[in-house]
PDB file of N, CA and C in Angstrom:
ATOM      1  N   MET A   1       3.815  -3.033  11.081  1.00  0.00           N
ATOM      2  CA  MET A   1       3.409  -1.741  10.566  1.00  0.00           C
ATOM      3  C   MET A   1       2.075  -1.373  11.205  1.00  0.00           C
ATOM      4  N   HIS A   2       1.752  -0.083  11.138  1.00  0.00           N
ATOM      5  CA  HIS A   2       0.605   0.429  11.878  1.00  0.00           C
ATOM      6  C   HIS A   2      -0.291   1.293  11.002  1.00  0.00           C
ATOM      7  N   LEU A   3      -1.494   1.546  11.487  1.00  0.00           N
ATOM      8  CA  LEU A   3      -2.421   2.436  10.792  1.00  0.00           C
ATOM      9  C   LEU A   3      -1.742   3.766  10.484  1.00  0.00           C
ATOM     10  N   GLY A   4      -1.929   4.235   9.258  1.00  0.00           N
ATOM     11  CA  GLY A   4      -1.371   5.515   8.849  1.00  0.00           C
ATOM     12  C   GLY A   4       0.028   5.447   8.280  1.00  0.00           C
ATOM     13  N   ASP A   5       0.700   4.311   8.426  1.00  0.00           N
ATOM     14  CA  ASP A   5       2.059   4.173   7.872  1.00  0.00           C
ATOM     15  C   ASP A   5       2.016   4.161   6.347  1.00  0.00           C
ATOM     16  N   GLU A   6       2.975   4.861   5.722  1.00  0.00           N
ATOM     17  CA  GLU A   6       3.134   4.777   4.276  1.00  0.00           C
ATOM     18  C   GLU A   6       3.923   3.523   3.953  1.00  0.00           C
ATOM     19  N   VAL A   7       3.494   2.825   2.897  1.00  0.00           N
ATOM     20  CA  VAL A   7       4.132   1.576   2.506  1.00  0.00           C
ATOM     21  C   VAL A   7       4.328   1.529   0.994  1.00  0.00           C
ATOM     22  N   VAL A   8       5.227   0.653   0.575  1.00  0.00           N
ATOM     23  CA  VAL A   8       5.476   0.390  -0.838  1.00  0.00           C
ATOM     24  C   VAL A   8       5.031  -1.028  -1.133  1.00  0.00           C
ATOM     25  N   ILE A   9       4.318  -1.195  -2.237  1.00  0.00           N
ATOM     26  CA  ILE A   9       3.886  -2.526  -2.678  1.00  0.00           C
ATOM     27  C   ILE A   9       5.098  -3.221  -3.301  1.00  0.00           C
ATOM     28  N   VAL A  10       5.390  -4.456  -2.874  1.00  0.00           N
ATOM     29  CA  VAL A  10       6.585  -5.158  -3.361  1.00  0.00           C
ATOM     30  C   VAL A  10       6.239  -6.391  -4.194  1.00  0.00           C
ATOM     31  N   THR A  11       5.008  -6.471  -4.684  1.00  0.00           N
ATOM     32  CA  THR A  11       4.578  -7.584  -5.518  1.00  0.00           C
ATOM     33  C   THR A  11       3.715  -7.058  -6.658  1.00  0.00           C
ATOM     34  N   GLU A  12       3.596  -7.824  -7.719  1.00  0.00           N
ATOM     35  CA  GLU A  12       2.720  -7.452  -8.839  1.00  0.00           C
ATOM     36  C   GLU A  12       1.292  -7.965  -8.627  1.00  0.00           C
ATOM     37  N   SER A  13       1.025  -8.594  -7.505  1.00  0.00           N
ATOM     38  CA  SER A  13      -0.287  -9.206  -7.250  1.00  0.00           C
ATOM     39  C   SER A  13      -1.451  -8.222  -7.302  1.00  0.00           C
ATOM     40  N   PHE A  14      -1.190  -6.937  -7.094  1.00  0.00           N
ATOM     41  CA  PHE A  14      -2.268  -5.950  -7.033  1.00  0.00           C
ATOM     42  C   PHE A  14      -2.270  -5.003  -8.225  1.00  0.00           C
ATOM     43  N   ALA A  15      -1.481  -5.318  -9.238  1.00  0.00           N
ATOM     44  CA  ALA A  15      -1.378  -4.458 -10.422  1.00  0.00           C
ATOM     45  C   ALA A  15      -2.722  -4.299 -11.126  1.00  0.00           C
ATOM     46  N   LEU A  16      -3.495  -5.360 -11.206  1.00  0.00           N
ATOM     47  CA  LEU A  16      -4.780  -5.290 -11.913  1.00  0.00           C
ATOM     48  C   LEU A  16      -5.814  -4.437 -11.191  1.00  0.00           C
ATOM     49  N   VAL A  17      -5.608  -4.165  -9.914  1.00  0.00           N
ATOM     50  CA  VAL A  17      -6.538  -3.298  -9.180  1.00  0.00           C
ATOM     51  C   VAL A  17      -5.979  -1.884  -9.035  1.00  0.00           C
ATOM     52  N   GLY A  18      -4.870  -1.579  -9.714  1.00  0.00           N
ATOM     53  CA  GLY A  18      -4.337  -0.221  -9.727  1.00  0.00           C
ATOM     54  C   GLY A  18      -3.136   0.030  -8.841  1.00  0.00           C
ATOM     55  N   ALA A  19      -2.516  -1.038  -8.336  1.00  0.00           N
ATOM     56  CA  ALA A  19      -1.358  -0.863  -7.450  1.00  0.00           C
ATOM     57  C   ALA A  19      -0.226  -1.802  -7.862  1.00  0.00           C
ATOM     58  N   PRO A  20       0.534  -1.439  -8.895  1.00  0.00           N
ATOM     59  CA  PRO A  20       1.658  -2.275  -9.321  1.00  0.00           C
ATOM     60  C   PRO A  20       2.811  -2.219  -8.318  1.00  0.00           C
ATOM     61  N   ARG A  21       3.769  -3.108  -8.491  1.00  0.00           N
ATOM     62  CA  ARG A  21       4.979  -3.078  -7.658  1.00  0.00           C
ATOM     63  C   ARG A  21       5.560  -1.664  -7.673  1.00  0.00           C
ATOM     64  N   GLY A  22       5.919  -1.163  -6.500  1.00  0.00           N
ATOM     65  CA  GLY A  22       6.481   0.170  -6.379  1.00  0.00           C
ATOM     66  C   GLY A  22       5.465   1.253  -6.042  1.00  0.00           C
ATOM     67  N   ALA A  23       4.165   0.920  -6.124  1.00  0.00           N
ATOM     68  CA  ALA A  23       3.134   1.904  -5.760  1.00  0.00           C
ATOM     69  C   ALA A  23       3.239   2.220  -4.268  1.00  0.00           C
ATOM     70  N   ILE A  24       2.937   3.453  -3.931  1.00  0.00           N
ATOM     71  CA  ILE A  24       2.983   3.899  -2.538  1.00  0.00           C
ATOM     72  C   ILE A  24       1.566   4.003  -2.016  1.00  0.00           C
ATOM     73  N   GLY A  25       1.340   3.418  -0.847  1.00  0.00           N
ATOM     74  CA  GLY A  25       0.018   3.457  -0.246  1.00  0.00           C
ATOM     75  C   GLY A  25       0.101   3.758   1.237  1.00  0.00           C
ATOM     76  N   VAL A  26      -1.071   3.757   1.868  1.00  0.00           N
ATOM     77  CA  VAL A  26      -1.186   4.023   3.293  1.00  0.00           C
ATOM     78  C   VAL A  26      -1.998   2.900   3.927  1.00  0.00           C
ATOM     79  N   ILE A  27      -1.562   2.423   5.080  1.00  0.00           N
ATOM     80  CA  ILE A  27      -2.325   1.412   5.808  1.00  0.00           C
ATOM     81  C   ILE A  27      -3.550   2.085   6.418  1.00  0.00           C
ATOM     82  N   VAL A  28      -4.742   1.601   6.032  1.00  0.00           N
ATOM     83  CA  VAL A  28      -5.996   2.179   6.520  1.00  0.00           C
ATOM     84  C   VAL A  28      -6.794   1.186   7.355  1.00  0.00           C
ATOM     85  N   GLY A  29      -6.299  -0.035   7.448  1.00  0.00           N
ATOM     86  CA  GLY A  29      -6.963  -1.052   8.264  1.00  0.00           C
ATOM     87  C   GLY A  29      -5.944  -2.058   8.749  1.00  0.00           C
ATOM     88  N   ASP A  30      -6.147  -2.550   9.955  1.00  0.00           N
ATOM     89  CA  ASP A  30      -5.202  -3.468  10.595  1.00  0.00           C
ATOM     90  C   ASP A  30      -5.992  -4.660  11.108  1.00  0.00           C
ATOM     91  N   TRP A  31      -5.644  -5.863  10.692  1.00  0.00           N
ATOM     92  CA  TRP A  31      -6.382  -7.071  11.046  1.00  0.00           C
ATOM     93  C   TRP A  31      -5.607  -7.925  12.048  1.00  0.00           C
ATOM     94  N   ALA A  32      -6.326  -8.661  12.854  1.00  0.00           N
ATOM     95  CA  ALA A  32      -5.720  -9.504  13.892  1.00  0.00           C
ATOM     96  C   ALA A  32      -4.795 -10.571  13.313  1.00  0.00           C
ATOM     97  N   ASP A  33      -5.045 -10.989  12.077  1.00  0.00           N
ATOM     98  CA  ASP A  33      -4.206 -12.027  11.462  1.00  0.00           C
ATOM     99  C   ASP A  33      -2.895 -11.476  10.916  1.00  0.00           C
ATOM    100  N   GLY A  34      -2.657 -10.166  11.091  1.00  0.00           N
ATOM    101  CA  GLY A  34      -1.412  -9.559  10.617  1.00  0.00           C
ATOM    102  C   GLY A  34      -1.517  -8.915   9.259  1.00  0.00           C
ATOM    103  N   SER A  35      -2.639  -9.104   8.575  1.00  0.00           N
ATOM    104  CA  SER A  35      -2.804  -8.453   7.274  1.00  0.00           C
ATOM    105  C   SER A  35      -3.259  -7.009   7.477  1.00  0.00           C
ATOM    106  N   ASN A  36      -3.194  -6.244   6.403  1.00  0.00           N
ATOM    107  CA  ASN A  36      -3.546  -4.822   6.460  1.00  0.00           C
ATOM    108  C   ASN A  36      -4.396  -4.442   5.258  1.00  0.00           C
ATOM    109  N   ASP A  37      -5.278  -3.459   5.430  1.00  0.00           N
ATOM    110  CA  ASP A  37      -5.950  -2.825   4.307  1.00  0.00           C
ATOM    111  C   ASP A  37      -5.064  -1.663   3.882  1.00  0.00           C
ATOM    112  N   VAL A  38      -4.807  -1.578   2.576  1.00  0.00           N
ATOM    113  CA  VAL A  38      -3.957  -0.515   2.045  1.00  0.00           C
ATOM    114  C   VAL A  38      -4.750   0.268   1.001  1.00  0.00           C
ATOM    115  N   GLU A  39      -4.579   1.574   1.026  1.00  0.00           N
ATOM    116  CA  GLU A  39      -5.201   2.442   0.040  1.00  0.00           C
ATOM    117  C   GLU A  39      -4.100   3.136  -0.743  1.00  0.00           C
ATOM    118  N   VAL A  40      -4.199   3.072  -2.058  1.00  0.00           N
ATOM    119  CA  VAL A  40      -3.250   3.742  -2.947  1.00  0.00           C
ATOM    120  C   VAL A  40      -4.002   4.868  -3.641  1.00  0.00           C
ATOM    121  N   SER A  41      -3.451   6.070  -3.566  1.00  0.00           N
ATOM    122  CA  SER A  41      -4.095   7.246  -4.159  1.00  0.00           C
ATOM    123  C   SER A  41      -3.174   7.906  -5.170  1.00  0.00           C
ATOM    124  N   ASP A  42      -3.780   8.635  -6.104  1.00  0.00           N
ATOM    125  CA  ASP A  42      -3.013   9.429  -7.059  1.00  0.00           C
ATOM    126  C   ASP A  42      -2.270  10.503  -6.276  1.00  0.00           C
ATOM    127  N   GLN A  43      -0.969  10.596  -6.453  1.00  0.00           N
ATOM    128  CA  GLN A  43      -0.140  11.530  -5.682  1.00  0.00           C
ATOM    129  C   GLN A  43      -0.494  12.999  -5.952  1.00  0.00           C
ATOM    130  N   GLU A  44      -1.043  13.306  -7.130  1.00  0.00           N
ATOM    131  CA  GLU A  44      -1.358  14.698  -7.467  1.00  0.00           C
ATOM    132  C   GLU A  44      -2.786  15.086  -7.109  1.00  0.00           C
ATOM    133  N   THR A  45      -3.748  14.191  -7.378  1.00  0.00           N
ATOM    134  CA  THR A  45      -5.159  14.548  -7.192  1.00  0.00           C
ATOM    135  C   THR A  45      -5.735  14.041  -5.873  1.00  0.00           C
ATOM    136  N   GLY A  46      -5.098  13.028  -5.286  1.00  0.00           N
ATOM    137  CA  GLY A  46      -5.632  12.430  -4.073  1.00  0.00           C
ATOM    138  C   GLY A  46      -6.727  11.405  -4.329  1.00  0.00           C
ATOM    139  N   GLU A  47      -7.075  11.196  -5.588  1.00  0.00           N
ATOM    140  CA  GLU A  47      -8.113  10.221  -5.948  1.00  0.00           C
ATOM    141  C   GLU A  47      -7.659   8.815  -5.571  1.00  0.00           C
ATOM    142  N   VAL A  48      -8.544   8.056  -4.943  1.00  0.00           N
ATOM    143  CA  VAL A  48      -8.224   6.678  -4.571  1.00  0.00           C
ATOM    144  C   VAL A  48      -8.173   5.827  -5.840  1.00  0.00           C
ATOM    145  N   LEU A  49      -7.037   5.162  -6.039  1.00  0.00           N
ATOM    146  CA  LEU A  49      -6.855   4.288  -7.197  1.00  0.00           C
ATOM    147  C   LEU A  49      -7.147   2.836  -6.855  1.00  0.00           C
ATOM    148  N   ALA A  50      -6.853   2.438  -5.616  1.00  0.00           N
ATOM    149  CA  ALA A  50      -7.029   1.048  -5.205  1.00  0.00           C
ATOM    150  C   ALA A  50      -7.156   0.967  -3.690  1.00  0.00           C
ATOM    151  N   HIS A  51      -7.915  -0.015  -3.243  1.00  0.00           N
ATOM    152  CA  HIS A  51      -8.080  -0.304  -1.814  1.00  0.00           C
ATOM    153  C   HIS A  51      -8.155  -1.824  -1.717  1.00  0.00           C
ATOM    154  N   PHE A  52      -7.251  -2.438  -0.963  1.00  0.00           N
ATOM    155  CA  PHE A  52      -7.171  -3.893  -0.937  1.00  0.00           C
ATOM    156  C   PHE A  52      -6.526  -4.363   0.355  1.00  0.00           C
ATOM    157  N   ARG A  53      -6.660  -5.646   0.626  1.00  0.00           N
ATOM    158  CA  ARG A  53      -6.084  -6.269   1.819  1.00  0.00           C
ATOM    159  C   ARG A  53      -4.805  -6.998   1.435  1.00  0.00           C
ATOM    160  N   VAL A  54      -3.737  -6.799   2.210  1.00  0.00           N
ATOM    161  CA  VAL A  54      -2.441  -7.405   1.892  1.00  0.00           C
ATOM    162  C   VAL A  54      -1.850  -8.100   3.108  1.00  0.00           C
ATOM    163  N   ALA A  55      -1.017  -9.085   2.834  1.00  0.00           N
ATOM    164  CA  ALA A  55      -0.189  -9.690   3.877  1.00  0.00           C
ATOM    165  C   ALA A  55       1.024  -8.789   4.074  1.00  0.00           C
ATOM    166  N   GLU A  56       1.615  -8.811   5.251  1.00  0.00           N
ATOM    167  CA  GLU A  56       2.780  -7.947   5.505  1.00  0.00           C
ATOM    168  C   GLU A  56       3.952  -8.253   4.579  1.00  0.00           C
ATOM    169  N   ASP A  57       4.017  -9.467   4.029  1.00  0.00           N
ATOM    170  CA  ASP A  57       5.091  -9.812   3.095  1.00  0.00           C
ATOM    171  C   ASP A  57       4.970  -9.076   1.759  1.00  0.00           C
ATOM    172  N   ASP A  58       3.776  -8.523   1.464  1.00  0.00           N
ATOM    173  CA  ASP A  58       3.527  -7.855   0.189  1.00  0.00           C
ATOM    174  C   ASP A  58       3.832  -6.361   0.227  1.00  0.00           C
ATOM    175  N   ILE A  59       4.225  -5.850   1.395  1.00  0.00           N
ATOM    176  CA  ILE A  59       4.509  -4.427   1.546  1.00  0.00           C
ATOM    177  C   ILE A  59       5.775  -4.236   2.378  1.00  0.00           C
ATOM    178  N   ARG A  60       6.343  -3.043   2.277  1.00  0.00           N
ATOM    179  CA  ARG A  60       7.454  -2.665   3.157  1.00  0.00           C
ATOM    180  C   ARG A  60       7.273  -1.198   3.502  1.00  0.00           C
ATOM    181  N   PRO A  61       7.848  -0.758   4.605  1.00  0.00           N
ATOM    182  CA  PRO A  61       7.721   0.652   4.965  1.00  0.00           C
ATOM    183  C   PRO A  61       8.295   1.545   3.866  1.00  0.00           C
ATOM    184  N   TYR A  62       7.624   2.651   3.591  1.00  0.00           N
ATOM    185  CA  TYR A  62       8.107   3.633   2.623  1.00  0.00           C
ATOM    186  C   TYR A  62       9.005   4.618   3.342  1.00  0.00           C
ATOM    187  N   SER A  63      10.201   4.800   2.838  1.00  0.00           N
ATOM    188  CA  SER A  63      11.161   5.687   3.512  1.00  0.00           C
ATOM    189  C   SER A  63      11.505   6.906   2.656  1.00  0.00           C
ATOM    190  N   GLY A  64      10.679   7.220   1.688  1.00  0.00           N
ATOM    191  CA  GLY A  64      10.905   8.389   0.835  1.00  0.00           C
ATOM    192  C   GLY A  64      11.505   8.000  -0.486  1.00  0.00           C
ATOM    193  N   PRO A  65      11.531   8.936  -1.413  1.00  0.00           N
ATOM    194  CA  PRO A  65      12.071   8.650  -2.749  1.00  0.00           C
ATOM    195  C   PRO A  65      13.562   8.344  -2.699  1.00  0.00           C
ATOM    196  N   VAL A  66      13.975   7.471  -3.590  1.00  0.00           N
ATOM    197  CA  VAL A  66      15.393   7.138  -3.705  1.00  0.00           C
ATOM    198  C   VAL A  66      16.068   8.267  -4.471  1.00  0.00           C
ATOM    199  N   THR A  67      17.160   8.767  -3.899  1.00  0.00           N
ATOM    200  CA  THR A  67      17.865   9.873  -4.562  1.00  0.00           C
ATOM    201  C   THR A  67      19.218   9.446  -5.036  1.00  0.00           C
TER     202      THR A  67
END
């Protein structure tokens, strides 16, 4: 995954910082070890709810809402 990609959190590990499983975020940092900084914002206000570093196993690409 790359900077600017939308992702879905697939673990409960970040729930206490405001990003439960299923939260949608954006990759805002890319590290040489393969981890990423992800920012999760309120979808309506744009307010940042959480900013944290994740392993690629903790996220997956977001492909839009399930219909």
